[in-house]
C-alpha atoms as a PDB file:
ATOM      1  CA  MET A   1     172.012  69.820 104.408  1.00  0.00           C
ATOM      2  CA  LYS A   2     168.670  71.527 104.982  1.00  0.00           C
ATOM      3  CA  ILE A   3     165.933  69.274 106.364  1.00  0.00           C
ATOM      4  CA  ALA A   4     162.226  70.177 106.418  1.00  0.00           C
ATOM      5  CA  ILE A   5     160.286  68.377 109.145  1.00  0.00           C
ATOM      6  CA  GLY A   6     156.656  68.078 110.105  1.00  0.00           C
ATOM      7  CA  ALA A   7     154.458  65.989 112.362  1.00  0.00           C
ATOM      8  CA  ASP A   8     150.881  65.673 113.447  1.00  0.00           C
ATOM      9  CA  HIS A   9     149.621  65.426 117.024  1.00  0.00           C
ATOM     10  CA  ALA A  10     150.675  61.757 117.210  1.00  0.00           C
ATOM     11  CA  GLY A  11     154.250  62.485 116.147  1.00  0.00           C
ATOM     12  CA  TYR A  12     155.217  65.873 117.563  1.00  0.00           C
ATOM     13  CA  ARG A  13     157.096  64.460 120.586  1.00  0.00           C
ATOM     14  CA  LEU A  14     159.305  62.257 118.413  1.00  0.00           C
ATOM     15  CA  LYS A  15     159.821  65.206 116.057  1.00  0.00           C
ATOM     16  CA  ALA A  16     161.393  67.189 118.901  1.00  0.00           C
ATOM     17  CA  ASP A  17     163.928  64.393 119.503  1.00  0.00           C
ATOM     18  CA  ILE A  18     164.697  64.118 115.799  1.00  0.00           C
ATOM     19  CA  ILE A  19     165.265  67.869 115.457  1.00  0.00           C
ATOM     20  CA  LYS A  20     167.896  67.738 118.216  1.00  0.00           C
ATOM     21  CA  LEU A  21     169.647  64.869 116.444  1.00  0.00           C
ATOM     22  CA  ILE A  22     169.625  66.592 113.047  1.00  0.00           C
ATOM     23  CA  GLU A  23     171.058  69.781 114.521  1.00  0.00           C
ATOM     24  CA  SER A  24     173.731  67.808 116.397  1.00  0.00           C
ATOM     25  CA  MET A  25     174.752  66.318 113.044  1.00  0.00           C
ATOM     26  CA  GLY A  26     175.371  69.837 111.732  1.00  0.00           C
ATOM     27  CA  HIS A  27     172.313  70.119 109.497  1.00  0.00           C
ATOM     28  CA  GLN A  28     169.747  72.929 109.339  1.00  0.00           C
ATOM     29  CA  VAL A  29     166.134  72.164 110.264  1.00  0.00           C
ATOM     30  CA  GLU A  30     162.975  73.959 109.246  1.00  0.00           C
ATOM     31  CA  ASP A  31     160.128  72.872 111.535  1.00  0.00           C
ATOM     32  CA  PHE A  32     156.606  73.033 110.095  1.00  0.00           C
ATOM     33  CA  GLY A  33     154.850  71.847 113.277  1.00  0.00           C
ATOM     34  CA  CYS A  34     152.736  70.721 114.892  1.00  0.00           C
ATOM     35  CA  HIS A  35     153.710  71.483 118.478  1.00  0.00           C
ATOM     36  CA  CYS A  36     150.904  69.998 120.587  1.00  0.00           C
ATOM     37  CA  ALA A  37     148.691  66.979 121.175  1.00  0.00           C
ATOM     38  CA  ASP A  38     145.541  68.658 119.830  1.00  0.00           C
ATOM     39  CA  SER A  39     144.083  66.547 117.036  1.00  0.00           C
ATOM     40  CA  ILE A  40     145.043  67.922 113.618  1.00  0.00           C
ATOM     41  CA  ASP A  41     145.106  66.607 110.039  1.00  0.00           C
ATOM     42  CA  TYR A  42     148.438  65.134 108.904  1.00  0.00           C
ATOM     43  CA  PRO A  43     148.124  66.268 105.238  1.00  0.00           C
ATOM     44  CA  ASP A  44     148.312  69.875 106.465  1.00  0.00           C
ATOM     45  CA  TYR A  45     151.829  69.165 107.772  1.00  0.00           C
ATOM     46  CA  ALA A  46     152.975  66.965 104.906  1.00  0.00           C
ATOM     47  CA  LEU A  47     152.120  69.782 102.475  1.00  0.00           C
ATOM     48  CA  PRO A  48     154.736  72.413 103.447  1.00  0.00           C
ATOM     49  CA  VAL A  49     157.476  69.816 103.964  1.00  0.00           C
ATOM     50  CA  CYS A  50     156.920  68.299 100.526  1.00  0.00           C
ATOM     51  CA  GLU A  51     156.611  71.696  98.869  1.00  0.00           C
ATOM     52  CA  LYS A  52     160.015  72.677 100.280  1.00  0.00           C
ATOM     53  CA  VAL A  53     161.673  69.426  99.144  1.00  0.00           C
ATOM     54  CA  ALA A  54     160.025  69.313  95.708  1.00  0.00           C
ATOM     55  CA  GLY A  55     160.840  72.998  95.201  1.00  0.00           C
ATOM     56  CA  GLY A  56     164.503  72.518  96.068  1.00  0.00           C
ATOM     57  CA  GLU A  57     164.341  74.735  99.151  1.00  0.00           C
ATOM     58  CA  ALA A  58     165.111  71.739 101.391  1.00  0.00           C
ATOM     59  CA  ASP A  59     167.408  68.846 100.575  1.00  0.00           C
ATOM     60  CA  ARG A  60     165.240  66.263 102.337  1.00  0.00           C
ATOM     61  CA  GLY A  61     162.140  66.019 104.461  1.00  0.00           C
ATOM     62  CA  ILE A  62     161.009  64.017 107.477  1.00  0.00           C
ATOM     63  CA  LEU A  63     157.368  63.381 108.380  1.00  0.00           C
ATOM     64  CA  ILE A  64     156.084  61.781 111.570  1.00  0.00           C
ATOM     65  CA  CYS A  65     152.582  60.723 112.542  1.00  0.00           C
ATOM     66  CA  GLY A  66     151.208  57.877 114.634  1.00  0.00           C
ATOM     67  CA  THR A  67     152.074  55.137 112.150  1.00  0.00           C
ATOM     68  CA  GLY A  68     153.823  57.053 109.374  1.00  0.00           C
ATOM     69  CA  ILE A  69     151.318  55.624 106.906  1.00  0.00           C
ATOM     70  CA  GLY A  70     149.128  58.694 106.463  1.00  0.00           C
ATOM     71  CA  MET A  71     152.100  60.990 106.076  1.00  0.00           C
ATOM     72  CA  SER A  72     153.724  58.713 103.483  1.00  0.00           C
ATOM     73  CA  ILE A  73     150.513  58.466 101.461  1.00  0.00           C
ATOM     74  CA  ALA A  74     150.067  62.255 101.484  1.00  0.00           C
ATOM     75  CA  ALA A  75     153.721  62.889 100.630  1.00  0.00           C
ATOM     76  CA  ASN A  76     153.758  60.551  97.663  1.00  0.00           C
ATOM     77  CA  LYS A  77     151.000  62.577  95.984  1.00  0.00           C
ATOM     78  CA  PHE A  78     153.525  65.353  95.307  1.00  0.00           C
ATOM     79  CA  PRO A  79     155.437  65.336  92.017  1.00  0.00           C
ATOM     80  CA  GLY A  80     159.124  64.826  92.699  1.00  0.00           C
ATOM     81  CA  ILE A  81     158.671  63.290  96.136  1.00  0.00           C
ATOM     82  CA  ARG A  82     159.878  59.776  96.868  1.00  0.00           C
ATOM     83  CA  CYS A  83     158.740  59.197 100.420  1.00  0.00           C
ATOM     84  CA  ALA A  84     159.660  55.983 102.211  1.00  0.00           C
ATOM     85  CA  LEU A  85     157.914  54.704 105.314  1.00  0.00           C
ATOM     86  CA  VAL A  86     160.720  53.249 107.427  1.00  0.00           C
ATOM     87  CA  HIS A  87     160.791  51.494 110.788  1.00  0.00           C
ATOM     88  CA  ASP A  88     164.099  49.592 110.568  1.00  0.00           C
ATOM     89  CA  LEU A  89     167.739  50.351 109.779  1.00  0.00           C
ATOM     90  CA  PHE A  90     168.034  48.091 106.730  1.00  0.00           C
ATOM     91  CA  SER A  91     165.159  49.886 104.988  1.00  0.00           C
ATOM     92  CA  ALA A  92     166.558  53.307 105.945  1.00  0.00           C
ATOM     93  CA  LYS A  93     169.794  52.506 104.164  1.00  0.00           C
ATOM     94  CA  ALA A  94     168.218  50.695 101.205  1.00  0.00           C
ATOM     95  CA  THR A  95     165.713  53.434 100.431  1.00  0.00           C
ATOM     96  CA  ARG A  96     168.510  55.964 100.080  1.00  0.00           C
ATOM     97  CA  GLU A  97     170.900  53.695  98.164  1.00  0.00           C
ATOM     98  CA  HIS A  98     168.326  52.176  95.811  1.00  0.00           C
ATOM     99  CA  ASN A  99     165.356  54.569  95.685  1.00  0.00           C
ATOM    100  CA  ASP A 100     167.020  57.937  96.325  1.00  0.00           C
ATOM    101  CA  SER A 101     164.183  58.739  98.734  1.00  0.00           C
ATOM    102  CA  ASN A 102     163.985  62.411  99.576  1.00  0.00           C
ATOM    103  CA  VAL A 103     161.354  62.204 102.325  1.00  0.00           C
ATOM    104  CA  LEU A 104     161.341  59.838 105.291  1.00  0.00           C
ATOM    105  CA  ALA A 105     158.127  58.913 107.115  1.00  0.00           C
ATOM    106  CA  MET A 106     158.030  57.265 110.544  1.00  0.00           C
ATOM    107  CA  GLY A 107     155.418  56.406 113.143  1.00  0.00           C
ATOM    108  CA  GLU A 108     155.856  57.512 116.756  1.00  0.00           C
ATOM    109  CA  ARG A 109     153.399  54.831 117.900  1.00  0.00           C
ATOM    110  CA  VAL A 110     155.390  52.160 116.042  1.00  0.00           C
ATOM    111  CA  ILE A 111     158.991  52.819 117.092  1.00  0.00           C
ATOM    112  CA  GLY A 112     160.741  54.381 120.037  1.00  0.00           C
ATOM    113  CA  PRO A 113     162.976  57.432 119.982  1.00  0.00           C
ATOM    114  CA  GLY A 114     166.250  55.483 120.064  1.00  0.00           C
ATOM    115  CA  LEU A 115     165.497  53.471 116.938  1.00  0.00           C
ATOM    116  CA  ALA A 116     163.969  56.510 115.232  1.00  0.00           C
ATOM    117  CA  GLN A 117     167.155  58.492 115.797  1.00  0.00           C
ATOM    118  CA  GLU A 118     169.292  55.696 114.359  1.00  0.00           C
ATOM    119  CA  ILE A 119     166.991  55.459 111.336  1.00  0.00           C
ATOM    120  CA  VAL A 120     167.323  59.195 110.731  1.00  0.00           C
ATOM    121  CA  ARG A 121     171.106  59.057 111.174  1.00  0.00           C
ATOM    122  CA  VAL A 122     171.465  56.206 108.663  1.00  0.00           C
ATOM    123  CA  TRP A 123     169.022  57.820 106.237  1.00  0.00           C
ATOM    124  CA  LEU A 124     170.830  61.173 106.323  1.00  0.00           C
ATOM    125  CA  GLU A 125     174.292  59.647 106.033  1.00  0.00           C
ATOM    126  CA  THR A 126     173.490  57.269 103.164  1.00  0.00           C
ATOM    127  CA  GLU A 127     173.918  58.492  99.608  1.00  0.00           C
ATOM    128  CA  PHE A 128     172.132  57.270  96.497  1.00  0.00           C
ATOM    129  CA  SER A 129     174.278  54.592  94.862  1.00  0.00           C
ATOM    130  CA  GLY A 130     173.956  56.178  91.426  1.00  0.00           C
ATOM    131  CA  ASN A 131     173.843  52.634  90.079  1.00  0.00           C
ATOM    132  CA  GLU A 132     172.475  52.626  86.527  1.00  0.00           C
ATOM    133  CA  ARG A 133     169.847  49.991  87.281  1.00  0.00           C
ATOM    134  CA  HIS A 134     168.508  51.979  90.258  1.00  0.00           C
ATOM    135  CA  ALA A 135     168.608  55.250  88.320  1.00  0.00           C
ATOM    136  CA  ASN A 136     166.668  53.589  85.506  1.00  0.00           C
ATOM    137  CA  ARG A 137     163.965  52.512  87.960  1.00  0.00           C
ATOM    138  CA  ILE A 138     163.684  56.013  89.415  1.00  0.00           C
ATOM    139  CA  ASN A 139     163.341  57.387  85.884  1.00  0.00           C
ATOM    140  CA  LYS A 140     160.494  54.939  85.273  1.00  0.00           C
ATOM    141  CA  ILE A 141     158.780  56.199  88.419  1.00  0.00           C
ATOM    142  CA  LYS A 142     159.179  59.757  87.125  1.00  0.00           C
ATOM    143  CA  GLN A 143     157.627  58.748  83.806  1.00  0.00           C
ATOM    144  CA  ILE A 144     154.590  57.346  85.647  1.00  0.00           C
ATOM    145  CA  GLU A 145     154.400  60.511  87.726  1.00  0.00           C
ATOM    146  CA  ASP A 146     154.601  62.711  84.612  1.00  0.00           C
ATOM    147  CA  LYS A 147     151.949  60.689  82.806  1.00  0.00           C
ATOM    148  CA  TYR A 148     149.402  60.829  85.624  1.00  0.00           C
ATOM    149  CA  SER A 149     150.258  64.134  87.269  1.00  0.00           C
ATOM    150  CA  LEU A 150     147.777  66.965  87.118  1.00  0.00           C
ATOM    151  CA  HIS A 151     150.477  69.612  87.027  1.00  0.00           C
ATOM    152  CA  PRO A 152     150.871  71.444  83.659  1.00  0.00           C
END
């Protein structure tokens, strides 16, 4: 699997830990930064990750900021992105099984590296259930997205 990853200044340290985990699991990682504690704007790092996932050039994406909230809001503006803000294992599994999330957002200031790594492991290893009721709900989300999207 190819994973696109990005973080702002409040998430770049956790991103480094997550990249090591993803590579140890045998997946490819494309890192879109940032790489320092200098204050930057999280939408600038959500953009390339979501473009890669929405465009099919990455299978999934991971975004990290201080809380994960800003990244998840920015990510969910992209057509085709279903970003879930996750800080526990149950939600990591459920968002893949039920929502077929393709981008994961986390907050470095909210969780530690051990839990974050377990969340990523569960999220990457869990498949969408394919259940008709869940697929129907995702299709309804796509209909909303299509209706209100500015793309042609």
